[in-house]
């Protein structure tokens, strides 16, 4: 139910009126996705726009540990509208956030929240200022800050 609620709330709080398709990439989509539509139809607290097409996929790191038929059905590589996406954004952040655990361990809940929020904000800022560099070619591959 937690995942259903998270998906429902993220759709409510996002500007979705012009969005026709949404990719939902989840590590166990082969099991979770079976009753996805039914759960949203039957539970009064969950909402999903009627005209929104949900493309179900499994992140590339996880799909290779599944059955062979999951690879062909759920790997983003084989879903034409997804192109090249790994679907593993959270995993890439853990390595950096794990380094903050020593500082956060002894902090109060409020301080821990602020610490993690600051680190996530820093990560987002670095991605924002580097996004232009990833679309430009200056004859070098070194775009680090």
N, C-alpha and C. Protein backbone atom coordinates (compact mmCIF):
# COMPACT_ATOMS: atom_id res chain seq x y z
N UNK A 1 0.81 -1.19 0.00
CA UNK A 1 0.00 0.00 0.00
C UNK A 1 0.86 1.26 0.00
N UNK A 2 2.04 1.22 0.61
CA UNK A 2 2.89 2.40 0.68
C UNK A 2 3.32 2.87 -0.71
N UNK A 3 3.68 1.95 -1.58
CA UNK A 3 4.08 2.32 -2.93
C UNK A 3 2.90 2.90 -3.68
N UNK A 4 1.74 2.29 -3.55
CA UNK A 4 0.53 2.80 -4.21
C UNK A 4 0.26 4.24 -3.77
N UNK A 5 0.33 4.48 -2.48
CA UNK A 5 0.08 5.82 -1.94
C UNK A 5 1.13 6.81 -2.47
N UNK A 6 2.39 6.41 -2.48
CA UNK A 6 3.45 7.28 -2.97
C UNK A 6 3.25 7.66 -4.43
N UNK A 7 2.88 6.69 -5.25
CA UNK A 7 2.62 6.97 -6.67
C UNK A 7 1.42 7.90 -6.80
N UNK A 8 0.35 7.60 -6.08
CA UNK A 8 -0.86 8.41 -6.14
C UNK A 8 -0.59 9.86 -5.72
N UNK A 9 0.11 10.03 -4.62
CA UNK A 9 0.39 11.38 -4.13
C UNK A 9 1.34 12.15 -5.05
N UNK A 10 2.33 11.46 -5.62
CA UNK A 10 3.25 12.15 -6.52
C UNK A 10 2.53 12.63 -7.78
N UNK A 11 1.57 11.87 -8.22
CA UNK A 11 0.78 12.29 -9.39
C UNK A 11 -0.10 13.48 -9.04
N UNK A 12 -0.67 13.48 -7.83
CA UNK A 12 -1.51 14.59 -7.38
C UNK A 12 -0.73 15.89 -7.28
N UNK A 13 0.51 15.80 -6.82
CA UNK A 13 1.28 17.01 -6.55
C UNK A 13 2.15 17.44 -7.73
N UNK A 14 2.05 16.76 -8.83
CA UNK A 14 2.83 17.09 -10.01
C UNK A 14 1.91 17.63 -11.08
N UNK A 15 2.39 18.57 -11.85
CA UNK A 15 1.62 19.15 -12.94
C UNK A 15 1.51 18.12 -14.06
N UNK A 16 0.42 17.36 -14.08
CA UNK A 16 0.29 16.22 -14.99
C UNK A 16 -0.72 16.42 -16.11
N UNK A 17 -1.32 17.62 -16.25
CA UNK A 17 -2.40 17.75 -17.20
C UNK A 17 -1.98 17.54 -18.66
N UNK A 18 -0.76 17.81 -19.02
CA UNK A 18 -0.31 17.62 -20.40
C UNK A 18 0.48 16.32 -20.58
N UNK A 19 0.61 15.52 -19.54
CA UNK A 19 1.38 14.28 -19.60
C UNK A 19 0.48 13.14 -20.04
N UNK A 20 0.89 12.45 -21.09
CA UNK A 20 0.10 11.33 -21.61
C UNK A 20 0.65 9.98 -21.14
N UNK A 21 1.97 9.92 -20.92
CA UNK A 21 2.62 8.68 -20.51
C UNK A 21 3.53 8.93 -19.32
N UNK A 22 3.61 7.93 -18.45
CA UNK A 22 4.47 8.02 -17.30
C UNK A 22 5.20 6.68 -17.15
N UNK A 23 6.51 6.73 -16.99
CA UNK A 23 7.28 5.52 -16.75
C UNK A 23 7.35 5.29 -15.24
N UNK A 24 6.95 4.13 -14.82
CA UNK A 24 7.03 3.73 -13.42
C UNK A 24 8.03 2.59 -13.35
N UNK A 25 9.21 2.89 -12.82
CA UNK A 25 10.30 1.91 -12.78
C UNK A 25 10.48 1.47 -11.33
N UNK A 26 10.26 0.18 -11.10
CA UNK A 26 10.26 -0.37 -9.75
C UNK A 26 10.97 -1.72 -9.79
N UNK A 27 11.77 -2.01 -8.77
CA UNK A 27 12.61 -3.20 -8.74
C UNK A 27 11.84 -4.51 -8.90
N UNK A 28 10.60 -4.54 -8.45
CA UNK A 28 9.81 -5.77 -8.53
C UNK A 28 8.52 -5.55 -9.35
N UNK A 29 8.64 -4.78 -10.42
CA UNK A 29 7.47 -4.45 -11.24
C UNK A 29 6.78 -5.69 -11.81
N UNK A 30 7.55 -6.75 -12.05
CA UNK A 30 6.94 -7.98 -12.59
C UNK A 30 5.89 -8.54 -11.65
N UNK A 31 6.04 -8.32 -10.35
CA UNK A 31 5.03 -8.76 -9.38
C UNK A 31 4.09 -7.62 -9.01
N UNK A 32 4.64 -6.47 -8.73
CA UNK A 32 3.84 -5.33 -8.30
C UNK A 32 2.87 -4.86 -9.40
N UNK A 33 3.32 -4.88 -10.63
CA UNK A 33 2.53 -4.35 -11.74
C UNK A 33 1.34 -5.19 -12.13
N UNK A 34 1.28 -6.45 -11.69
CA UNK A 34 0.19 -7.35 -12.08
C UNK A 34 -1.16 -6.77 -11.69
N UNK A 35 -1.29 -6.28 -10.47
CA UNK A 35 -2.57 -5.76 -9.99
C UNK A 35 -2.54 -4.24 -9.80
N UNK A 36 -1.59 -3.58 -10.43
CA UNK A 36 -1.44 -2.13 -10.30
C UNK A 36 -2.74 -1.40 -10.63
N UNK A 37 -3.27 -1.63 -11.81
CA UNK A 37 -4.49 -0.94 -12.25
C UNK A 37 -5.67 -1.26 -11.34
N UNK A 38 -5.80 -2.51 -10.97
CA UNK A 38 -6.91 -2.95 -10.11
C UNK A 38 -6.87 -2.25 -8.75
N UNK A 39 -5.67 -2.14 -8.16
CA UNK A 39 -5.55 -1.49 -6.86
C UNK A 39 -5.99 -0.03 -6.93
N UNK A 40 -5.61 0.66 -7.99
CA UNK A 40 -5.98 2.06 -8.13
C UNK A 40 -7.48 2.23 -8.40
N UNK A 41 -8.07 1.30 -9.09
CA UNK A 41 -9.51 1.37 -9.36
C UNK A 41 -10.35 1.08 -8.12
N UNK A 42 -9.89 0.14 -7.30
CA UNK A 42 -10.70 -0.32 -6.17
C UNK A 42 -10.51 0.46 -4.88
N UNK A 43 -9.41 1.17 -4.72
CA UNK A 43 -9.16 1.88 -3.47
C UNK A 43 -9.56 3.35 -3.62
N UNK A 44 -10.49 3.82 -2.78
CA UNK A 44 -10.99 5.19 -2.92
C UNK A 44 -9.94 6.27 -2.62
N UNK A 45 -8.89 5.94 -1.89
CA UNK A 45 -7.86 6.93 -1.56
C UNK A 45 -6.78 7.09 -2.61
N UNK A 46 -6.78 6.23 -3.61
CA UNK A 46 -5.76 6.29 -4.65
C UNK A 46 -6.34 6.90 -5.92
N UNK A 47 -5.60 7.82 -6.50
CA UNK A 47 -6.08 8.46 -7.73
C UNK A 47 -5.06 8.34 -8.84
N UNK A 48 -5.56 8.22 -10.05
CA UNK A 48 -4.73 8.13 -11.25
C UNK A 48 -5.55 8.74 -12.39
N UNK A 49 -4.98 9.70 -13.14
CA UNK A 49 -5.72 10.24 -14.27
C UNK A 49 -6.12 9.14 -15.25
N UNK A 50 -7.35 9.16 -15.71
CA UNK A 50 -7.86 8.10 -16.57
C UNK A 50 -7.12 7.98 -17.88
N UNK A 51 -6.67 9.11 -18.43
CA UNK A 51 -6.02 9.09 -19.74
C UNK A 51 -4.50 8.94 -19.66
N UNK A 52 -3.97 8.68 -18.48
CA UNK A 52 -2.53 8.52 -18.30
C UNK A 52 -2.12 7.07 -18.56
N UNK A 53 -1.19 6.89 -19.49
CA UNK A 53 -0.66 5.55 -19.77
C UNK A 53 0.56 5.33 -18.88
N UNK A 54 0.52 4.28 -18.08
CA UNK A 54 1.64 3.96 -17.18
C UNK A 54 2.48 2.88 -17.84
N UNK A 55 3.74 3.22 -18.12
CA UNK A 55 4.68 2.26 -18.70
C UNK A 55 5.43 1.62 -17.54
N UNK A 56 5.30 0.33 -17.41
CA UNK A 56 5.88 -0.39 -16.28
C UNK A 56 7.24 -0.97 -16.66
N UNK A 57 8.23 -0.75 -15.80
CA UNK A 57 9.58 -1.22 -16.09
C UNK A 57 10.32 -1.58 -14.80
N UNK A 58 11.43 -2.27 -14.97
CA UNK A 58 12.33 -2.62 -13.86
C UNK A 58 13.69 -2.00 -14.20
N UNK A 59 14.33 -1.40 -13.21
CA UNK A 59 15.64 -0.79 -13.42
C UNK A 59 16.65 -1.80 -13.95
N UNK A 60 17.59 -1.31 -14.74
CA UNK A 60 18.56 -2.20 -15.39
C UNK A 60 19.42 -2.99 -14.42
N UNK A 61 19.75 -2.43 -13.30
CA UNK A 61 20.57 -3.15 -12.33
C UNK A 61 19.81 -4.36 -11.78
N UNK A 62 18.52 -4.19 -11.53
CA UNK A 62 17.73 -5.25 -10.91
C UNK A 62 17.14 -6.25 -11.90
N UNK A 63 16.82 -5.81 -13.10
CA UNK A 63 16.13 -6.69 -14.05
C UNK A 63 16.99 -7.90 -14.43
N UNK A 64 18.29 -7.77 -14.39
CA UNK A 64 19.17 -8.88 -14.75
C UNK A 64 19.18 -9.99 -13.71
N UNK A 65 18.67 -9.72 -12.52
CA UNK A 65 18.56 -10.74 -11.49
C UNK A 65 17.21 -11.45 -11.51
N UNK A 66 16.35 -11.05 -12.43
CA UNK A 66 15.01 -11.64 -12.55
C UNK A 66 15.02 -12.79 -13.56
N UNK A 67 13.84 -13.36 -13.78
CA UNK A 67 13.69 -14.39 -14.81
C UNK A 67 13.98 -13.80 -16.18
N UNK A 68 14.33 -14.66 -17.11
CA UNK A 68 14.70 -14.20 -18.45
C UNK A 68 13.57 -13.43 -19.13
N UNK A 69 12.32 -13.87 -18.92
CA UNK A 69 11.19 -13.18 -19.56
C UNK A 69 10.99 -11.76 -19.02
N UNK A 70 11.45 -11.49 -17.80
CA UNK A 70 11.36 -10.14 -17.25
C UNK A 70 12.25 -9.17 -18.01
N UNK A 71 13.40 -9.63 -18.46
CA UNK A 71 14.32 -8.78 -19.20
C UNK A 71 13.65 -8.24 -20.45
N UNK A 72 13.07 -9.12 -21.25
CA UNK A 72 12.44 -8.69 -22.50
C UNK A 72 11.20 -7.83 -22.25
N UNK A 73 10.49 -8.12 -21.19
CA UNK A 73 9.23 -7.42 -20.93
C UNK A 73 9.42 -6.10 -20.19
N UNK A 74 10.37 -6.03 -19.24
CA UNK A 74 10.44 -4.87 -18.35
C UNK A 74 11.73 -4.05 -18.41
N UNK A 75 12.75 -4.50 -19.11
CA UNK A 75 13.99 -3.72 -19.17
C UNK A 75 13.76 -2.45 -19.98
N UNK A 76 14.10 -1.28 -19.43
CA UNK A 76 13.89 -0.02 -20.16
C UNK A 76 14.55 -0.02 -21.54
N UNK A 77 15.63 -0.76 -21.68
CA UNK A 77 16.33 -0.83 -22.96
C UNK A 77 15.43 -1.34 -24.07
N UNK A 78 14.50 -2.22 -23.74
CA UNK A 78 13.64 -2.83 -24.75
C UNK A 78 12.25 -2.20 -24.84
N UNK A 79 12.03 -1.13 -24.11
CA UNK A 79 10.76 -0.42 -24.18
C UNK A 79 11.00 0.83 -25.03
N UNK A 80 10.45 0.87 -26.24
CA UNK A 80 10.77 1.93 -27.20
C UNK A 80 10.62 3.36 -26.66
N UNK A 81 9.59 3.63 -25.90
CA UNK A 81 9.38 5.00 -25.44
C UNK A 81 10.31 5.42 -24.30
N UNK A 82 11.04 4.49 -23.71
CA UNK A 82 11.95 4.84 -22.62
C UNK A 82 13.36 5.15 -23.09
N UNK A 83 13.72 4.67 -24.25
CA UNK A 83 15.06 4.90 -24.79
C UNK A 83 16.11 4.36 -23.82
N UNK A 84 17.08 5.20 -23.43
CA UNK A 84 18.16 4.73 -22.57
C UNK A 84 18.02 5.40 -21.21
N UNK A 85 17.52 4.65 -20.26
CA UNK A 85 17.39 5.11 -18.88
C UNK A 85 17.64 3.90 -17.99
N UNK A 86 18.43 4.09 -16.94
CA UNK A 86 18.71 2.92 -16.10
C UNK A 86 17.69 2.72 -14.99
N UNK A 87 16.98 3.77 -14.60
CA UNK A 87 15.95 3.64 -13.57
C UNK A 87 16.50 3.40 -12.19
N UNK A 88 17.74 3.77 -11.95
CA UNK A 88 18.39 3.49 -10.67
C UNK A 88 18.89 4.77 -10.00
N UNK A 89 18.12 5.84 -10.05
CA UNK A 89 18.55 7.13 -9.51
C UNK A 89 18.87 7.05 -8.02
N UNK A 90 17.99 6.43 -7.26
CA UNK A 90 18.21 6.40 -5.81
C UNK A 90 19.48 5.64 -5.43
N UNK A 91 19.76 4.58 -6.13
CA UNK A 91 20.97 3.81 -5.82
C UNK A 91 22.24 4.63 -6.03
N UNK A 92 22.23 5.52 -7.03
CA UNK A 92 23.43 6.33 -7.28
C UNK A 92 23.65 7.36 -6.18
N UNK A 93 22.60 7.72 -5.47
CA UNK A 93 22.74 8.70 -4.39
C UNK A 93 23.21 8.06 -3.08
N UNK A 94 22.96 6.77 -2.91
CA UNK A 94 23.29 6.12 -1.65
C UNK A 94 24.78 6.16 -1.34
N UNK A 95 25.62 6.00 -2.34
CA UNK A 95 27.06 6.00 -2.09
C UNK A 95 27.50 7.30 -1.45
N UNK A 96 26.98 8.40 -1.94
CA UNK A 96 27.34 9.71 -1.39
C UNK A 96 26.69 9.90 -0.03
N UNK A 97 25.43 9.53 0.09
CA UNK A 97 24.72 9.71 1.36
C UNK A 97 25.26 8.81 2.46
N UNK A 98 25.79 7.65 2.09
CA UNK A 98 26.37 6.76 3.10
C UNK A 98 27.51 7.44 3.84
N UNK A 99 28.22 8.33 3.18
CA UNK A 99 29.33 9.04 3.81
C UNK A 99 28.84 9.99 4.91
N UNK A 100 27.59 10.42 4.80
CA UNK A 100 27.05 11.34 5.82
C UNK A 100 26.54 10.60 7.05
N UNK A 101 26.48 9.28 6.98
CA UNK A 101 25.88 8.52 8.08
C UNK A 101 26.61 8.72 9.41
N UNK A 102 27.92 8.89 9.36
CA UNK A 102 28.67 9.10 10.60
C UNK A 102 28.23 10.39 11.29
N UNK A 103 28.02 11.42 10.49
CA UNK A 103 27.58 12.71 11.06
C UNK A 103 26.14 12.65 11.52
N UNK A 104 25.31 11.93 10.78
CA UNK A 104 23.88 11.88 11.08
C UNK A 104 23.55 10.95 12.24
N UNK A 105 24.41 9.98 12.48
CA UNK A 105 24.12 8.94 13.48
C UNK A 105 23.81 9.51 14.85
N UNK A 106 24.59 10.47 15.31
CA UNK A 106 24.40 11.02 16.65
C UNK A 106 23.52 12.25 16.70
N UNK A 107 22.99 12.66 15.55
CA UNK A 107 22.19 13.88 15.50
C UNK A 107 20.75 13.63 15.92
N UNK A 108 20.08 14.71 16.30
CA UNK A 108 18.65 14.61 16.59
C UNK A 108 17.91 14.40 15.26
N UNK A 109 16.64 14.05 15.34
CA UNK A 109 15.87 13.82 14.13
C UNK A 109 15.83 15.09 13.27
N UNK A 110 15.64 16.24 13.91
CA UNK A 110 15.58 17.50 13.16
C UNK A 110 16.93 17.80 12.48
N UNK A 111 18.01 17.62 13.20
CA UNK A 111 19.33 17.86 12.63
C UNK A 111 19.65 16.87 11.52
N UNK A 112 19.28 15.62 11.73
CA UNK A 112 19.50 14.59 10.71
C UNK A 112 18.73 14.93 9.43
N UNK A 113 17.49 15.38 9.60
CA UNK A 113 16.67 15.76 8.45
C UNK A 113 17.31 16.90 7.69
N UNK A 114 17.77 17.92 8.42
CA UNK A 114 18.43 19.05 7.77
C UNK A 114 19.71 18.63 7.07
N UNK A 115 20.49 17.78 7.70
CA UNK A 115 21.74 17.30 7.12
C UNK A 115 21.49 16.57 5.80
N UNK A 116 20.54 15.64 5.81
CA UNK A 116 20.23 14.89 4.59
C UNK A 116 19.63 15.81 3.53
N UNK A 117 18.79 16.74 3.94
CA UNK A 117 18.21 17.70 3.01
C UNK A 117 19.30 18.55 2.36
N UNK A 118 20.27 19.00 3.15
CA UNK A 118 21.38 19.79 2.60
C UNK A 118 22.19 18.98 1.59
N UNK A 119 22.46 17.72 1.91
CA UNK A 119 23.24 16.88 0.99
C UNK A 119 22.47 16.60 -0.30
N UNK A 120 21.16 16.37 -0.18
CA UNK A 120 20.36 16.15 -1.38
C UNK A 120 20.28 17.43 -2.20
N UNK A 121 20.15 18.57 -1.54
CA UNK A 121 20.13 19.86 -2.25
C UNK A 121 21.43 20.09 -2.99
N UNK A 122 22.56 19.75 -2.35
CA UNK A 122 23.86 19.88 -3.00
C UNK A 122 23.95 18.98 -4.22
N UNK A 123 23.47 17.75 -4.09
CA UNK A 123 23.47 16.82 -5.21
C UNK A 123 22.63 17.35 -6.36
N UNK A 124 21.44 17.87 -6.05
CA UNK A 124 20.57 18.42 -7.08
C UNK A 124 21.19 19.64 -7.74
N UNK A 125 21.86 20.49 -6.94
CA UNK A 125 22.51 21.69 -7.49
C UNK A 125 23.62 21.29 -8.46
N UNK A 126 24.43 20.31 -8.09
CA UNK A 126 25.51 19.86 -8.98
C UNK A 126 24.95 19.30 -10.28
N UNK A 127 23.84 18.56 -10.21
CA UNK A 127 23.22 18.04 -11.43
C UNK A 127 22.68 19.19 -12.28
N UNK A 128 22.09 20.19 -11.63
CA UNK A 128 21.52 21.32 -12.35
C UNK A 128 22.58 22.10 -13.12
N UNK A 129 23.69 22.40 -12.46
CA UNK A 129 24.71 23.19 -13.14
C UNK A 129 25.50 22.37 -14.16
N UNK A 130 25.49 21.07 -14.05
CA UNK A 130 26.18 20.23 -15.01
C UNK A 130 25.31 19.79 -16.18
N UNK A 131 24.00 20.01 -16.12
CA UNK A 131 23.12 19.51 -17.17
C UNK A 131 23.45 20.16 -18.51
N UNK A 132 23.80 21.43 -18.50
CA UNK A 132 24.19 22.09 -19.75
C UNK A 132 25.46 21.52 -20.33
N UNK A 133 26.39 21.16 -19.46
CA UNK A 133 27.66 20.60 -19.91
C UNK A 133 27.47 19.23 -20.57
N UNK A 134 26.47 18.50 -20.13
CA UNK A 134 26.26 17.18 -20.71
C UNK A 134 25.65 17.26 -22.10
N UNK A 135 25.12 18.42 -22.45
CA UNK A 135 24.52 18.60 -23.77
C UNK A 135 25.43 19.38 -24.72
N UNK A 136 26.61 19.75 -24.25
CA UNK A 136 27.57 20.51 -25.06
C UNK A 136 28.82 19.67 -25.27
N UNK A 137 29.51 19.97 -26.34
CA UNK A 137 30.77 19.28 -26.58
C UNK A 137 31.85 20.33 -26.78
N UNK A 138 32.84 20.33 -25.88
CA UNK A 138 33.93 21.28 -25.95
C UNK A 138 35.24 20.59 -26.29
N UNK A 139 35.19 19.38 -26.80
CA UNK A 139 36.39 18.67 -27.16
C UNK A 139 37.03 17.95 -25.98
N UNK A 140 36.38 17.95 -24.85
CA UNK A 140 36.90 17.26 -23.67
C UNK A 140 35.77 16.56 -22.95
N UNK A 141 36.10 15.55 -22.22
CA UNK A 141 35.08 14.83 -21.48
C UNK A 141 35.12 15.18 -20.00
N UNK A 142 35.96 16.14 -19.60
CA UNK A 142 36.08 16.49 -18.20
C UNK A 142 35.16 17.65 -17.89
N UNK A 143 34.00 17.36 -17.33
CA UNK A 143 33.03 18.38 -16.97
C UNK A 143 32.87 18.48 -15.47
N UNK A 144 33.80 17.97 -14.73
CA UNK A 144 33.67 17.97 -13.27
C UNK A 144 33.86 19.37 -12.72
N UNK A 145 33.29 19.57 -11.54
CA UNK A 145 33.42 20.87 -10.86
C UNK A 145 34.53 20.84 -9.87
